[in-house]
Amino acid sequence: MMFACSIVLRRLVAGILVAGTAVAVPATAAPRVARLPADFEEVEGIAAIVGTTLITFGELRRAMGSQQATQEVVPTDIARPRSLGELRLQVLQSLIDNALVLRAASELGVTVEDRDVDQQIAEVKKRNTWDDDELATAVRKLGFATVAAYRLHVRQELTRVRMLQIKLGSRLRVADDEVKKMLELEHCGGTCEEEVHARHIMVGVRGDDTPVAVNKKRDKAWQIHDLLVAGKASFEDLADKFNDDRGAPDGDLGWQRRWTIEPGLAAKLWSLKKNEYSAVVQTPYGFHVLQLLDRRRTQAKDKELLEEFVRRRLQEDQLARLYKAWIEELRRTTHIEARVQ
């Protein structure tokens, strides 16, 4: 489950000072303790308005610090941004898209049961061996004020996935002829596969890393990338110092088939030329800098498995196209005001 950030939005109350407003106080004035009304509610700055839905700067900051990709439900070929400004704009667009999907789900009456939310949270706790107190600590680090706010995030993510399944899942149609054509073009009619020999340096990210920590690790990965591309340090030295992949401490991934690698890494690796370094790639495990060392063709070990992999790739491509068209339609029919440039 992504930590793509959603929080309980606080009501906007007329007359309340917006966060960031400053009031000048004479230097000679005696310090006073502010007394706020009993019904005072803190108001966050608004990063975007989608119909009647507000996206706050707090949500944007949390999403920018997520260790997960910002578009995981639907595959995307959007390059991960390098600058903080590019990241901010890309993540905001993703949050706007998510808000559009949730609005559509609300209009259609798509809901998620409490038991589904409970099950998802139980899986998170089990995977991280957290008790209730440790979960509360972890979600605060992630930027959620309370566990209740995190529960809302989980509910919204499950709702979004369900809406996508309802709206787009039934429209996925991959004909056998399409699968056969790709097998002929790329896999010798289903008898061979391409393998790549690659290596990487991974800056690992923990599930409970704060947004600040995640962004520091992103910057670290880009620094490693720059040193490699400029030839200012060897891959071996940088892997020895910075690689967090315990399964491949020297960074060597060996020979890999495409379907055996995390999809985000596979897509990038298969686009590289021999000895070329990739830009920083983000996965659920952290930030990676990849290098393609060589390619070769080998006999397919399992033709049925290869055929299923090809069909899945075609489905993902089709899903991405359907999603893009649907989001563009929702954007045309919804008032959207982005307040971040």
C-alpha atoms as a PDB file:
ATOM      1  CA  MET A   1       0.000   0.000   0.000  1.00  0.00           C
ATOM      2  CA  MET A   2       1.379   3.308  -0.935  1.00  0.00           C
ATOM      3  CA  PHE A   3       1.788   6.059   1.590  1.00  0.00           C
ATOM      4  CA  ALA A   4       0.439   8.524  -0.981  1.00  0.00           C
ATOM      5  CA  CYS A   5      -0.768  11.032   1.487  1.00  0.00           C
ATOM      6  CA  SER A   6      -4.349  11.872   2.392  1.00  0.00           C
ATOM      7  CA  ILE A   7      -5.410  13.388   5.723  1.00  0.00           C
ATOM      8  CA  VAL A   8      -8.555  14.477   7.520  1.00  0.00           C
ATOM      9  CA  LEU A   9      -9.174  17.945   6.052  1.00  0.00           C
ATOM     10  CA  ARG A  10     -10.042  20.531   8.641  1.00  0.00           C
ATOM     11  CA  ARG A  11     -13.055  22.801   8.089  1.00  0.00           C
ATOM     12  CA  LEU A  12     -12.327  26.282   6.838  1.00  0.00           C
ATOM     13  CA  VAL A  13     -13.890  28.732   9.291  1.00  0.00           C
ATOM     14  CA  ALA A  14     -14.405  32.343   8.256  1.00  0.00           C
ATOM     15  CA  GLY A  15     -12.421  34.806  10.308  1.00  0.00           C
ATOM     16  CA  ILE A  16      -9.667  32.398  11.398  1.00  0.00           C
ATOM     17  CA  LEU A  17      -6.125  33.550  10.703  1.00  0.00           C
ATOM     18  CA  VAL A  18      -4.474  31.559   7.911  1.00  0.00           C
ATOM     19  CA  ALA A  19      -1.218  29.846   8.913  1.00  0.00           C
ATOM     20  CA  GLY A  20       1.748  31.996   8.002  1.00  0.00           C
ATOM     21  CA  THR A  21       0.086  35.381   8.642  1.00  0.00           C
ATOM     22  CA  ALA A  22       2.370  37.572  10.747  1.00  0.00           C
ATOM     23  CA  VAL A  23       1.345  40.346  13.137  1.00  0.00           C
ATOM     24  CA  ALA A  24       3.923  42.966  14.103  1.00  0.00           C
ATOM     25  CA  VAL A  25       4.440  43.442  17.848  1.00  0.00           C
ATOM     26  CA  PRO A  26       6.332  46.437  19.278  1.00  0.00           C
ATOM     27  CA  ALA A  27       9.658  45.489  20.809  1.00  0.00           C
ATOM     28  CA  THR A  28       8.623  47.003  24.123  1.00  0.00           C
ATOM     29  CA  ALA A  29       5.368  45.108  24.369  1.00  0.00           C
ATOM     30  CA  ALA A  30       5.132  42.671  27.259  1.00  0.00           C
ATOM     31  CA  PRO A  31       4.812  39.046  26.197  1.00  0.00           C
ATOM     32  CA  ARG A  32       1.270  37.732  26.364  1.00  0.00           C
ATOM     33  CA  VAL A  33      -0.161  34.248  26.187  1.00  0.00           C
ATOM     34  CA  ALA A  34      -2.634  33.875  23.335  1.00  0.00           C
ATOM     35  CA  ARG A  35      -6.056  32.613  24.296  1.00  0.00           C
ATOM     36  CA  LEU A  36      -7.788  30.843  21.436  1.00  0.00           C
ATOM     37  CA  PRO A  37     -11.524  30.199  21.224  1.00  0.00           C
ATOM     38  CA  ALA A  38     -12.644  26.783  22.396  1.00  0.00           C
ATOM     39  CA  ASP A  39     -13.817  25.896  18.894  1.00  0.00           C
ATOM     40  CA  PHE A  40     -10.582  27.092  17.213  1.00  0.00           C
ATOM     41  CA  GLU A  41      -9.458  24.873  14.336  1.00  0.00           C
ATOM     42  CA  GLU A  42      -6.034  25.194  12.707  1.00  0.00           C
ATOM     43  CA  VAL A  43      -6.200  25.843   8.976  1.00  0.00           C
ATOM     44  CA  GLU A  44      -3.582  24.582   6.541  1.00  0.00           C
ATOM     45  CA  GLY A  45      -2.587  26.375   3.387  1.00  0.00           C
ATOM     46  CA  ILE A  46      -4.333  25.115   0.273  1.00  0.00           C
ATOM     47  CA  ALA A  47      -2.160  23.706  -2.527  1.00  0.00           C
ATOM     48  CA  ALA A  48      -5.033  22.928  -4.899  1.00  0.00           C
ATOM     49  CA  ILE A  49      -8.814  22.858  -5.181  1.00  0.00           C
ATOM     50  CA  VAL A  50     -10.472  20.022  -7.091  1.00  0.00           C
ATOM     51  CA  GLY A  51     -14.185  20.679  -7.342  1.00  0.00           C
ATOM     52  CA  THR A  52     -15.085  20.989  -3.664  1.00  0.00           C
ATOM     53  CA  THR A  53     -12.076  18.932  -2.494  1.00  0.00           C
ATOM     54  CA  LEU A  54      -9.102  20.696  -0.906  1.00  0.00           C
ATOM     55  CA  ILE A  55      -5.508  19.467  -1.173  1.00  0.00           C
ATOM     56  CA  THR A  56      -3.448  21.014   1.599  1.00  0.00           C
ATOM     57  CA  PHE A  57       0.235  21.795   1.682  1.00  0.00           C
ATOM     58  CA  GLY A  58       0.508  19.255   4.491  1.00  0.00           C
ATOM     59  CA  GLU A  59      -0.751  16.538   2.163  1.00  0.00           C
ATOM     60  CA  LEU A  60       1.620  17.714  -0.544  1.00  0.00           C
ATOM     61  CA  ARG A  61       4.613  17.613   1.819  1.00  0.00           C
ATOM     62  CA  ARG A  62       3.754  14.110   2.965  1.00  0.00           C
ATOM     63  CA  ALA A  63       3.288  12.855  -0.602  1.00  0.00           C
ATOM     64  CA  MET A  64       6.616  14.390  -1.634  1.00  0.00           C
ATOM     65  CA  GLY A  65       8.253  12.436   1.174  1.00  0.00           C
ATOM     66  CA  SER A  66       6.587   9.134   0.346  1.00  0.00           C
ATOM     67  CA  GLN A  67       8.942   6.239  -0.294  1.00  0.00           C
ATOM     68  CA  GLN A  68       6.459   4.893  -2.817  1.00  0.00           C
ATOM     69  CA  ALA A  69       6.037   5.999  -6.380  1.00  0.00           C
ATOM     70  CA  THR A  70       3.271   8.557  -6.771  1.00  0.00           C
ATOM     71  CA  GLN A  71       1.499   6.540  -9.452  1.00  0.00           C
ATOM     72  CA  GLU A  72       1.565   2.889  -8.445  1.00  0.00           C
ATOM     73  CA  VAL A  73      -1.941   1.690  -9.204  1.00  0.00           C
ATOM     74  CA  VAL A  74      -1.496   2.566 -12.873  1.00  0.00           C
ATOM     75  CA  PRO A  75       1.865   2.176 -14.634  1.00  0.00           C
ATOM     76  CA  THR A  76       3.440   5.366 -15.913  1.00  0.00           C
ATOM     77  CA  ASP A  77       6.400   6.327 -18.050  1.00  0.00           C
ATOM     78  CA  ILE A  78       6.787   9.729 -16.381  1.00  0.00           C
ATOM     79  CA  ALA A  79      10.428  10.223 -15.419  1.00  0.00           C
ATOM     80  CA  ARG A  80      11.129  10.797 -11.760  1.00  0.00           C
ATOM     81  CA  PRO A  81      11.930  14.455 -11.216  1.00  0.00           C
ATOM     82  CA  ARG A  82      15.333  15.660 -10.205  1.00  0.00           C
ATOM     83  CA  SER A  83      14.678  19.105  -8.714  1.00  0.00           C
ATOM     84  CA  LEU A  84      12.465  19.755  -5.705  1.00  0.00           C
ATOM     85  CA  GLY A  85      10.317  22.057  -7.817  1.00  0.00           C
ATOM     86  CA  GLU A  86       9.736  19.382 -10.459  1.00  0.00           C
ATOM     87  CA  LEU A  87       8.933  16.845  -7.757  1.00  0.00           C
ATOM     88  CA  ARG A  88       6.436  19.209  -6.113  1.00  0.00           C
ATOM     89  CA  LEU A  89       4.549  19.844  -9.352  1.00  0.00           C
ATOM     90  CA  GLN A  90       4.520  16.175 -10.351  1.00  0.00           C
ATOM     91  CA  VAL A  91       3.292  15.003  -6.959  1.00  0.00           C
ATOM     92  CA  LEU A  92       0.615  17.709  -6.892  1.00  0.00           C
ATOM     93  CA  GLN A  93      -0.682  16.546 -10.279  1.00  0.00           C
ATOM     94  CA  SER A  94      -0.814  12.996  -8.907  1.00  0.00           C
ATOM     95  CA  LEU A  95      -2.780  14.164  -5.860  1.00  0.00           C
ATOM     96  CA  ILE A  96      -5.181  16.027  -8.145  1.00  0.00           C
ATOM     97  CA  ASP A  97      -5.692  12.861 -10.190  1.00  0.00           C
ATOM     98  CA  ASN A  98      -6.326  10.885  -6.999  1.00  0.00           C
ATOM     99  CA  ALA A  99      -8.884  13.474  -5.855  1.00  0.00           C
ATOM    100  CA  LEU A 100     -10.664  13.226  -9.216  1.00  0.00           C
ATOM    101  CA  VAL A 101     -10.925   9.440  -8.877  1.00  0.00           C
ATOM    102  CA  LEU A 102     -12.265   9.722  -5.317  1.00  0.00           C
ATOM    103  CA  ARG A 103     -14.873  12.289  -6.427  1.00  0.00           C
ATOM    104  CA  ALA A 104     -15.988   9.929  -9.191  1.00  0.00           C
ATOM    105  CA  ALA A 105     -16.174   7.080  -6.660  1.00  0.00           C
ATOM    106  CA  SER A 106     -18.330   9.204  -4.347  1.00  0.00           C
ATOM    107  CA  GLU A 107     -20.715  10.092  -7.176  1.00  0.00           C
ATOM    108  CA  LEU A 108     -21.006   6.411  -8.092  1.00  0.00           C
ATOM    109  CA  GLY A 109     -21.506   5.365  -4.460  1.00  0.00           C
ATOM    110  CA  VAL A 110     -18.352   3.231  -4.285  1.00  0.00           C
ATOM    111  CA  THR A 111     -17.471   2.538  -0.646  1.00  0.00           C
ATOM    112  CA  VAL A 112     -15.076   0.426   1.399  1.00  0.00           C
ATOM    113  CA  GLU A 113     -16.155  -1.558   4.451  1.00  0.00           C
ATOM    114  CA  ASP A 114     -14.528  -1.028   7.850  1.00  0.00           C
ATOM    115  CA  ARG A 115     -13.382  -4.647   7.864  1.00  0.00           C
ATOM    116  CA  ASP A 116     -11.395  -4.038   4.662  1.00  0.00           C
ATOM    117  CA  VAL A 117      -9.618  -1.099   6.281  1.00  0.00           C
ATOM    118  CA  ASP A 118      -8.971  -3.161   9.415  1.00  0.00           C
ATOM    119  CA  GLN A 119      -7.519  -5.989   7.327  1.00  0.00           C
ATOM    120  CA  GLN A 120      -5.197  -3.660   5.420  1.00  0.00           C
ATOM    121  CA  ILE A 121      -3.895  -2.055   8.617  1.00  0.00           C
ATOM    122  CA  ALA A 122      -3.447  -5.493  10.211  1.00  0.00           C
ATOM    123  CA  GLU A 123      -1.312  -6.507   7.217  1.00  0.00           C
ATOM    124  CA  VAL A 124       0.828  -3.373   7.609  1.00  0.00           C
ATOM    125  CA  LYS A 125       1.343  -4.139  11.296  1.00  0.00           C
ATOM    126  CA  LYS A 126       2.182  -7.778  10.587  1.00  0.00           C
ATOM    127  CA  ARG A 127       4.617  -6.925   7.797  1.00  0.00           C
ATOM    128  CA  ASN A 128       6.494  -4.477  10.032  1.00  0.00           C
ATOM    129  CA  THR A 129       5.998  -6.440  13.305  1.00  0.00           C
ATOM    130  CA  TRP A 130       4.359  -3.390  14.915  1.00  0.00           C
ATOM    131  CA  ASP A 131       2.007  -3.350  17.870  1.00  0.00           C
ATOM    132  CA  ASP A 132      -0.618  -0.595  18.227  1.00  0.00           C
ATOM    133  CA  ASP A 133       1.769   1.855  19.902  1.00  0.00           C
ATOM    134  CA  GLU A 134       4.461   1.282  17.287  1.00  0.00           C
ATOM    135  CA  LEU A 135       1.910   1.817  14.509  1.00  0.00           C
ATOM    136  CA  ALA A 136       0.883   5.118  16.086  1.00  0.00           C
ATOM    137  CA  THR A 137       4.516   6.223  16.259  1.00  0.00           C
ATOM    138  CA  ALA A 138       5.162   5.195  12.656  1.00  0.00           C
ATOM    139  CA  VAL A 139       2.169   7.019  11.193  1.00  0.00           C
ATOM    140  CA  ARG A 140       3.144  10.195  13.054  1.00  0.00           C
ATOM    141  CA  LYS A 141       6.587   9.978  11.472  1.00  0.00           C
ATOM    142  CA  LEU A 142       4.886   9.703   8.114  1.00  0.00           C
ATOM    143  CA  GLY A 143       3.088  12.970   8.780  1.00  0.00           C
ATOM    144  CA  PHE A 144      -0.338  11.757   9.910  1.00  0.00           C
ATOM    145  CA  ALA A 145      -1.612  13.519  13.030  1.00  0.00           C
ATOM    146  CA  THR A 146      -3.404  10.421  14.348  1.00  0.00           C
ATOM    147  CA  VAL A 147      -4.061   6.788  13.553  1.00  0.00           C
ATOM    148  CA  ALA A 148      -7.593   7.875  12.608  1.00  0.00           C
ATOM    149  CA  ALA A 149      -6.107  10.133   9.921  1.00  0.00           C
ATOM    150  CA  TYR A 150      -4.051   7.203   8.663  1.00  0.00           C
ATOM    151  CA  ARG A 151      -7.186   5.033   8.599  1.00  0.00           C
ATOM    152  CA  LEU A 152      -8.839   7.614   6.359  1.00  0.00           C
ATOM    153  CA  HIS A 153      -5.814   7.472   4.060  1.00  0.00           C
ATOM    154  CA  VAL A 154      -6.101   3.665   3.858  1.00  0.00           C
ATOM    155  CA  ARG A 155      -9.841   3.887   3.172  1.00  0.00           C
ATOM    156  CA  GLN A 156      -9.285   6.407   0.373  1.00  0.00           C
ATOM    157  CA  GLU A 157      -6.564   4.310  -1.235  1.00  0.00           C
ATOM    158  CA  LEU A 158      -8.746   1.186  -1.151  1.00  0.00           C
ATOM    159  CA  THR A 159     -11.647   3.207  -2.581  1.00  0.00           C
ATOM    160  CA  ARG A 160      -9.454   4.520  -5.373  1.00  0.00           C
ATOM    161  CA  VAL A 161      -8.266   1.026  -6.321  1.00  0.00           C
ATOM    162  CA  ARG A 162     -11.847  -0.282  -6.270  1.00  0.00           C
ATOM    163  CA  MET A 163     -13.038   2.592  -8.450  1.00  0.00           C
ATOM    164  CA  LEU A 164     -10.306   1.917 -10.984  1.00  0.00           C
ATOM    165  CA  GLN A 165     -11.274  -1.741 -11.064  1.00  0.00           C
ATOM    166  CA  ILE A 166     -14.921  -0.847 -11.676  1.00  0.00           C
ATOM    167  CA  LYS A 167     -14.294   1.894 -14.230  1.00  0.00           C
ATOM    168  CA  LEU A 168     -11.363   0.454 -16.142  1.00  0.00           C
ATOM    169  CA  GLY A 169     -10.931  -3.195 -15.227  1.00  0.00           C
ATOM    170  CA  SER A 170     -13.947  -4.375 -17.209  1.00  0.00           C
ATOM    171  CA  ARG A 171     -12.657  -2.560 -20.306  1.00  0.00           C
ATOM    172  CA  LEU A 172      -9.334  -4.390 -20.445  1.00  0.00           C
ATOM    173  CA  ARG A 173      -9.308  -6.585 -23.518  1.00  0.00           C
ATOM    174  CA  VAL A 174      -6.095  -8.201 -24.758  1.00  0.00           C
ATOM    175  CA  ALA A 175      -6.694 -10.445 -27.766  1.00  0.00           C
ATOM    176  CA  ASP A 176      -4.732 -13.636 -28.256  1.00  0.00           C
ATOM    177  CA  ASP A 177      -3.527 -12.239 -31.583  1.00  0.00           C
ATOM    178  CA  GLU A 178      -1.868  -9.317 -29.752  1.00  0.00           C
ATOM    179  CA  VAL A 179      -0.042 -11.689 -27.427  1.00  0.00           C
ATOM    180  CA  LYS A 180       1.055 -13.826 -30.356  1.00  0.00           C
ATOM    181  CA  LYS A 181       2.335 -10.780 -32.247  1.00  0.00           C
ATOM    182  CA  MET A 182       4.493  -9.631 -29.327  1.00  0.00           C
ATOM    183  CA  LEU A 183       5.829 -13.142 -28.812  1.00  0.00           C
ATOM    184  CA  GLU A 184       6.843 -13.204 -32.484  1.00  0.00           C
ATOM    185  CA  LEU A 185       8.462  -9.768 -32.383  1.00  0.00           C
ATOM    186  CA  GLU A 186      10.322  -9.983 -29.081  1.00  0.00           C
ATOM    187  CA  HIS A 187      10.520 -13.638 -28.044  1.00  0.00           C
ATOM    188  CA  CYS A 188      11.202 -15.755 -31.147  1.00  0.00           C
ATOM    189  CA  GLY A 189       7.596 -16.877 -31.203  1.00  0.00           C
ATOM    190  CA  GLY A 190       7.749 -17.796 -27.504  1.00  0.00           C
ATOM    191  CA  THR A 191      10.941 -19.846 -27.592  1.00  0.00           C
ATOM    192  CA  CYS A 192      13.447 -17.247 -26.355  1.00  0.00           C
ATOM    193  CA  GLU A 193      13.822 -14.432 -23.853  1.00  0.00           C
ATOM    194  CA  GLU A 194      16.185 -11.505 -23.512  1.00  0.00           C
ATOM    195  CA  GLU A 195      18.305 -11.314 -20.389  1.00  0.00           C
ATOM    196  CA  VAL A 196      20.280  -8.345 -19.151  1.00  0.00           C
ATOM    197  CA  HIS A 197      23.350  -8.217 -16.954  1.00  0.00           C
ATOM    198  CA  ALA A 198      22.995  -5.182 -14.711  1.00  0.00           C
ATOM    199  CA  ARG A 199      24.164  -3.628 -11.492  1.00  0.00           C
ATOM    200  CA  HIS A 200      22.776  -0.954  -9.236  1.00  0.00           C
ATOM    201  CA  ILE A 201      23.369   1.149  -6.160  1.00  0.00           C
ATOM    202  CA  MET A 202      20.298   1.385  -3.952  1.00  0.00           C
ATOM    203  CA  VAL A 203      19.720   3.985  -1.272  1.00  0.00           C
ATOM    204  CA  GLY A 204      17.230   2.105   0.846  1.00  0.00           C
ATOM    205  CA  VAL A 205      14.109   3.609   2.407  1.00  0.00           C
ATOM    206  CA  ARG A 206      12.367   2.312   5.519  1.00  0.00           C
ATOM    207  CA  GLY A 207       8.606   2.145   5.840  1.00  0.00           C
ATOM    208  CA  ASP A 208       8.630   4.546   8.787  1.00  0.00           C
ATOM    209  CA  ASP A 209      11.118   7.069   7.366  1.00  0.00           C
ATOM    210  CA  THR A 210       9.891  10.633   7.718  1.00  0.00           C
ATOM    211  CA  PRO A 211       9.240  12.736   4.595  1.00  0.00           C
ATOM    212  CA  VAL A 212      12.373  14.752   5.379  1.00  0.00           C
ATOM    213  CA  ALA A 213      14.470  11.577   5.597  1.00  0.00           C
ATOM    214  CA  VAL A 214      13.053  10.237   2.318  1.00  0.00           C
ATOM    215  CA  ASN A 215      13.859  13.451   0.468  1.00  0.00           C
ATOM    216  CA  LYS A 216      17.414  13.424   1.861  1.00  0.00           C
ATOM    217  CA  LYS A 217      17.833   9.889   0.524  1.00  0.00           C
ATOM    218  CA  ARG A 218      16.516  10.963  -2.875  1.00  0.00           C
ATOM    219  CA  ASP A 219      19.134  13.736  -2.941  1.00  0.00           C
ATOM    220  CA  LYS A 220      21.814  11.239  -1.909  1.00  0.00           C
ATOM    221  CA  ALA A 221      20.899   8.953  -4.809  1.00  0.00           C
ATOM    222  CA  TRP A 222      21.180  11.848  -7.252  1.00  0.00           C
ATOM    223  CA  GLN A 223      24.614  12.727  -5.842  1.00  0.00           C
ATOM    224  CA  ILE A 224      25.723   9.141  -6.466  1.00  0.00           C
ATOM    225  CA  HIS A 225      24.329   9.361  -9.993  1.00  0.00           C
ATOM    226  CA  ASP A 226      26.242  12.579 -10.691  1.00  0.00           C
ATOM    227  CA  LEU A 227      29.530  11.124  -9.450  1.00  0.00           C
ATOM    228  CA  LEU A 228      29.120   8.058 -11.685  1.00  0.00           C
ATOM    229  CA  VAL A 229      28.143   9.996 -14.805  1.00  0.00           C
ATOM    230  CA  ALA A 230      30.978  12.496 -14.330  1.00  0.00           C
ATOM    231  CA  GLY A 231      33.485   9.688 -13.754  1.00  0.00           C
ATOM    232  CA  LYS A 232      34.553  11.224 -10.434  1.00  0.00           C
ATOM    233  CA  ALA A 233      34.208   7.959  -8.528  1.00  0.00           C
ATOM    234  CA  SER A 234      34.163   4.288  -9.464  1.00  0.00           C
ATOM    235  CA  PHE A 235      31.035   2.194  -9.226  1.00  0.00           C
ATOM    236  CA  GLU A 236      32.830  -0.262  -6.953  1.00  0.00           C
ATOM    237  CA  ASP A 237      33.820   2.417  -4.432  1.00  0.00           C
ATOM    238  CA  LEU A 238      30.364   3.995  -4.365  1.00  0.00           C
ATOM    239  CA  ALA A 239      28.645   0.617  -4.022  1.00  0.00           C
ATOM    240  CA  ASP A 240      30.939  -0.268  -1.147  1.00  0.00           C
ATOM    241  CA  LYS A 241      30.043   2.977   0.657  1.00  0.00           C
ATOM    242  CA  PHE A 242      26.388   3.499  -0.168  1.00  0.00           C
ATOM    243  CA  ASN A 243      24.649   0.402  -1.541  1.00  0.00           C
ATOM    244  CA  ASP A 244      21.900  -0.771   0.843  1.00  0.00           C
ATOM    245  CA  ASP A 245      20.960  -3.900  -1.127  1.00  0.00           C
ATOM    246  CA  ARG A 246      22.054  -6.665   1.225  1.00  0.00           C
ATOM    247  CA  GLY A 247      21.256  -9.299  -1.383  1.00  0.00           C
ATOM    248  CA  ALA A 248      23.813  -7.772  -3.757  1.00  0.00           C
ATOM    249  CA  PRO A 249      26.268  -5.764  -1.628  1.00  0.00           C
ATOM    250  CA  ASP A 250      28.596  -5.153  -4.590  1.00  0.00           C
ATOM    251  CA  GLY A 251      25.626  -4.024  -6.669  1.00  0.00           C
ATOM    252  CA  ASP A 252      25.887  -6.834  -9.240  1.00  0.00           C
ATOM    253  CA  LEU A 253      22.403  -8.136 -10.091  1.00  0.00           C
ATOM    254  CA  GLY A 254      23.720 -10.826 -12.444  1.00  0.00           C
ATOM    255  CA  TRP A 255      21.737 -11.957 -15.482  1.00  0.00           C
ATOM    256  CA  GLN A 256      18.018 -11.259 -15.151  1.00  0.00           C
ATOM    257  CA  ARG A 257      14.881 -11.913 -17.184  1.00  0.00           C
ATOM    258  CA  ARG A 258      12.457  -9.008 -17.412  1.00  0.00           C
ATOM    259  CA  TRP A 259       9.641 -10.716 -15.516  1.00  0.00           C
ATOM    260  CA  THR A 260      11.904 -11.501 -12.538  1.00  0.00           C
ATOM    261  CA  ILE A 261      12.672  -7.840 -11.751  1.00  0.00           C
ATOM    262  CA  GLU A 262      10.582  -5.182 -10.023  1.00  0.00           C
ATOM    263  CA  PRO A 263       8.562  -3.586 -12.869  1.00  0.00           C
ATOM    264  CA  GLY A 264       9.903  -0.059 -12.368  1.00  0.00           C
ATOM    265  CA  LEU A 265      13.495  -1.271 -12.546  1.00  0.00           C
ATOM    266  CA  ALA A 266      12.797  -3.577 -15.484  1.00  0.00           C
ATOM    267  CA  ALA A 267      11.216  -0.814 -17.555  1.00  0.00           C
ATOM    268  CA  LYS A 268      14.235   1.418 -17.023  1.00  0.00           C
ATOM    269  CA  LEU A 269      16.828  -1.319 -17.573  1.00  0.00           C
ATOM    270  CA  TRP A 270      15.328  -2.392 -20.892  1.00  0.00           C
ATOM    271  CA  SER A 271      15.496   1.218 -22.116  1.00  0.00           C
ATOM    272  CA  LEU A 272      19.236   1.608 -21.465  1.00  0.00           C
ATOM    273  CA  LYS A 273      22.127   1.177 -23.852  1.00  0.00           C
ATOM    274  CA  LYS A 274      25.137  -0.940 -22.958  1.00  0.00           C
ATOM    275  CA  ASN A 275      27.187   0.628 -20.083  1.00  0.00           C
ATOM    276  CA  GLU A 276      24.700   3.497 -19.751  1.00  0.00           C
ATOM    277  CA  TYR A 277      23.617   4.743 -16.299  1.00  0.00           C
ATOM    278  CA  SER A 278      19.978   5.417 -15.557  1.00  0.00           C
ATOM    279  CA  ALA A 279      18.524   8.448 -13.872  1.00  0.00           C
ATOM    280  CA  VAL A 280      17.423   7.812 -10.289  1.00  0.00           C
ATOM    281  CA  VAL A 281      14.593   5.261 -10.248  1.00  0.00           C
ATOM    282  CA  GLN A 282      12.175   5.114  -7.334  1.00  0.00           C
ATOM    283  CA  THR A 283      10.683   1.815  -6.130  1.00  0.00           C
ATOM    284  CA  PRO A 284       9.021   0.687  -2.890  1.00  0.00           C
ATOM    285  CA  TYR A 285      12.497  -0.313  -1.687  1.00  0.00           C
ATOM    286  CA  GLY A 286      14.259   3.005  -2.191  1.00  0.00           C
ATOM    287  CA  PHE A 287      16.137   4.944  -4.853  1.00  0.00           C
ATOM    288  CA  HIS A 288      18.265   3.167  -7.452  1.00  0.00           C
ATOM    289  CA  VAL A 289      20.946   4.109  -9.960  1.00  0.00           C
ATOM    290  CA  LEU A 290      21.190   1.352 -12.580  1.00  0.00           C
ATOM    291  CA  GLN A 291      23.810   0.403 -15.135  1.00  0.00           C
ATOM    292  CA  LEU A 292      23.214  -1.984 -18.023  1.00  0.00           C
ATOM    293  CA  LEU A 293      26.336  -4.096 -18.613  1.00  0.00           C
ATOM    294  CA  ASP A 294      25.234  -6.482 -21.372  1.00  0.00           C
ATOM    295  CA  ARG A 295      22.314  -8.215 -23.122  1.00  0.00           C
ATOM    296  CA  ARG A 296      21.815 -11.700 -24.461  1.00  0.00           C
ATOM    297  CA  ARG A 297      19.098 -14.003 -25.760  1.00  0.00           C
ATOM    298  CA  THR A 298      18.450 -17.320 -24.087  1.00  0.00           C
ATOM    299  CA  GLN A 299      15.998 -20.179 -24.446  1.00  0.00           C
ATOM    300  CA  ALA A 300      12.659 -19.611 -22.715  1.00  0.00           C
ATOM    301  CA  LYS A 301      12.364 -21.888 -19.701  1.00  0.00           C
ATOM    302  CA  ASP A 302       8.577 -21.768 -19.443  1.00  0.00           C
ATOM    303  CA  LYS A 303       6.601 -20.760 -22.536  1.00  0.00           C
ATOM    304  CA  GLU A 304       3.286 -20.535 -20.665  1.00  0.00           C
ATOM    305  CA  LEU A 305       4.812 -18.262 -18.017  1.00  0.00           C
ATOM    306  CA  LEU A 306       6.364 -16.095 -20.749  1.00  0.00           C
ATOM    307  CA  GLU A 307       3.013 -15.842 -22.531  1.00  0.00           C
ATOM    308  CA  GLU A 308       1.309 -14.789 -19.297  1.00  0.00           C
ATOM    309  CA  PHE A 309       4.005 -12.155 -18.713  1.00  0.00           C
ATOM    310  CA  VAL A 310       3.503 -10.741 -22.230  1.00  0.00           C
ATOM    311  CA  ARG A 311      -0.264 -10.632 -21.717  1.00  0.00           C
ATOM    312  CA  ARG A 312       0.211  -8.784 -18.417  1.00  0.00           C
ATOM    313  CA  ARG A 313       2.493  -6.221 -20.061  1.00  0.00           C
ATOM    314  CA  LEU A 314      -0.092  -5.576 -22.752  1.00  0.00           C
ATOM    315  CA  GLN A 315      -2.802  -5.208 -20.101  1.00  0.00           C
ATOM    316  CA  GLU A 316      -0.686  -2.698 -18.173  1.00  0.00           C
ATOM    317  CA  ASP A 317      -0.075  -0.669 -21.327  1.00  0.00           C
ATOM    318  CA  GLN A 318      -3.777  -0.682 -22.112  1.00  0.00           C
ATOM    319  CA  LEU A 319      -4.675   0.252 -18.538  1.00  0.00           C
ATOM    320  CA  ALA A 320      -2.292   3.216 -18.650  1.00  0.00           C
ATOM    321  CA  ARG A 321      -3.926   4.487 -21.863  1.00  0.00           C
ATOM    322  CA  LEU A 322      -7.452   4.051 -20.492  1.00  0.00           C
ATOM    323  CA  TYR A 323      -6.516   5.756 -17.232  1.00  0.00           C
ATOM    324  CA  LYS A 324      -4.949   8.721 -19.015  1.00  0.00           C
ATOM    325  CA  ALA A 325      -8.010   9.218 -21.220  1.00  0.00           C
ATOM    326  CA  TRP A 326     -10.386   8.966 -18.245  1.00  0.00           C
ATOM    327  CA  ILE A 327      -8.395  11.419 -16.120  1.00  0.00           C
ATOM    328  CA  GLU A 328      -8.278  13.906 -18.999  1.00  0.00           C
ATOM    329  CA  GLU A 329     -12.079  13.638 -19.252  1.00  0.00           C
ATOM    330  CA  LEU A 330     -12.475  14.229 -15.493  1.00  0.00           C
ATOM    331  CA  ARG A 331     -10.140  17.223 -15.663  1.00  0.00           C
ATOM    332  CA  ARG A 332     -12.207  18.794 -18.475  1.00  0.00           C
ATOM    333  CA  THR A 333     -15.420  18.525 -16.462  1.00  0.00           C
ATOM    334  CA  THR A 334     -14.091  19.516 -13.001  1.00  0.00           C
ATOM    335  CA  HIS A 335     -13.010  22.888 -11.651  1.00  0.00           C
ATOM    336  CA  ILE A 336      -9.321  22.591 -10.735  1.00  0.00           C
ATOM    337  CA  GLU A 337      -7.276  25.389  -9.206  1.00  0.00           C
ATOM    338  CA  ALA A 338      -3.594  24.664  -8.501  1.00  0.00           C
ATOM    339  CA  ARG A 339      -1.906  27.170  -6.208  1.00  0.00           C
ATOM    340  CA  VAL A 340       1.631  25.864  -6.624  1.00  0.00           C
ATOM    341  CA  GLN A 341       3.831  27.044  -9.479  1.00  0.00           C
END
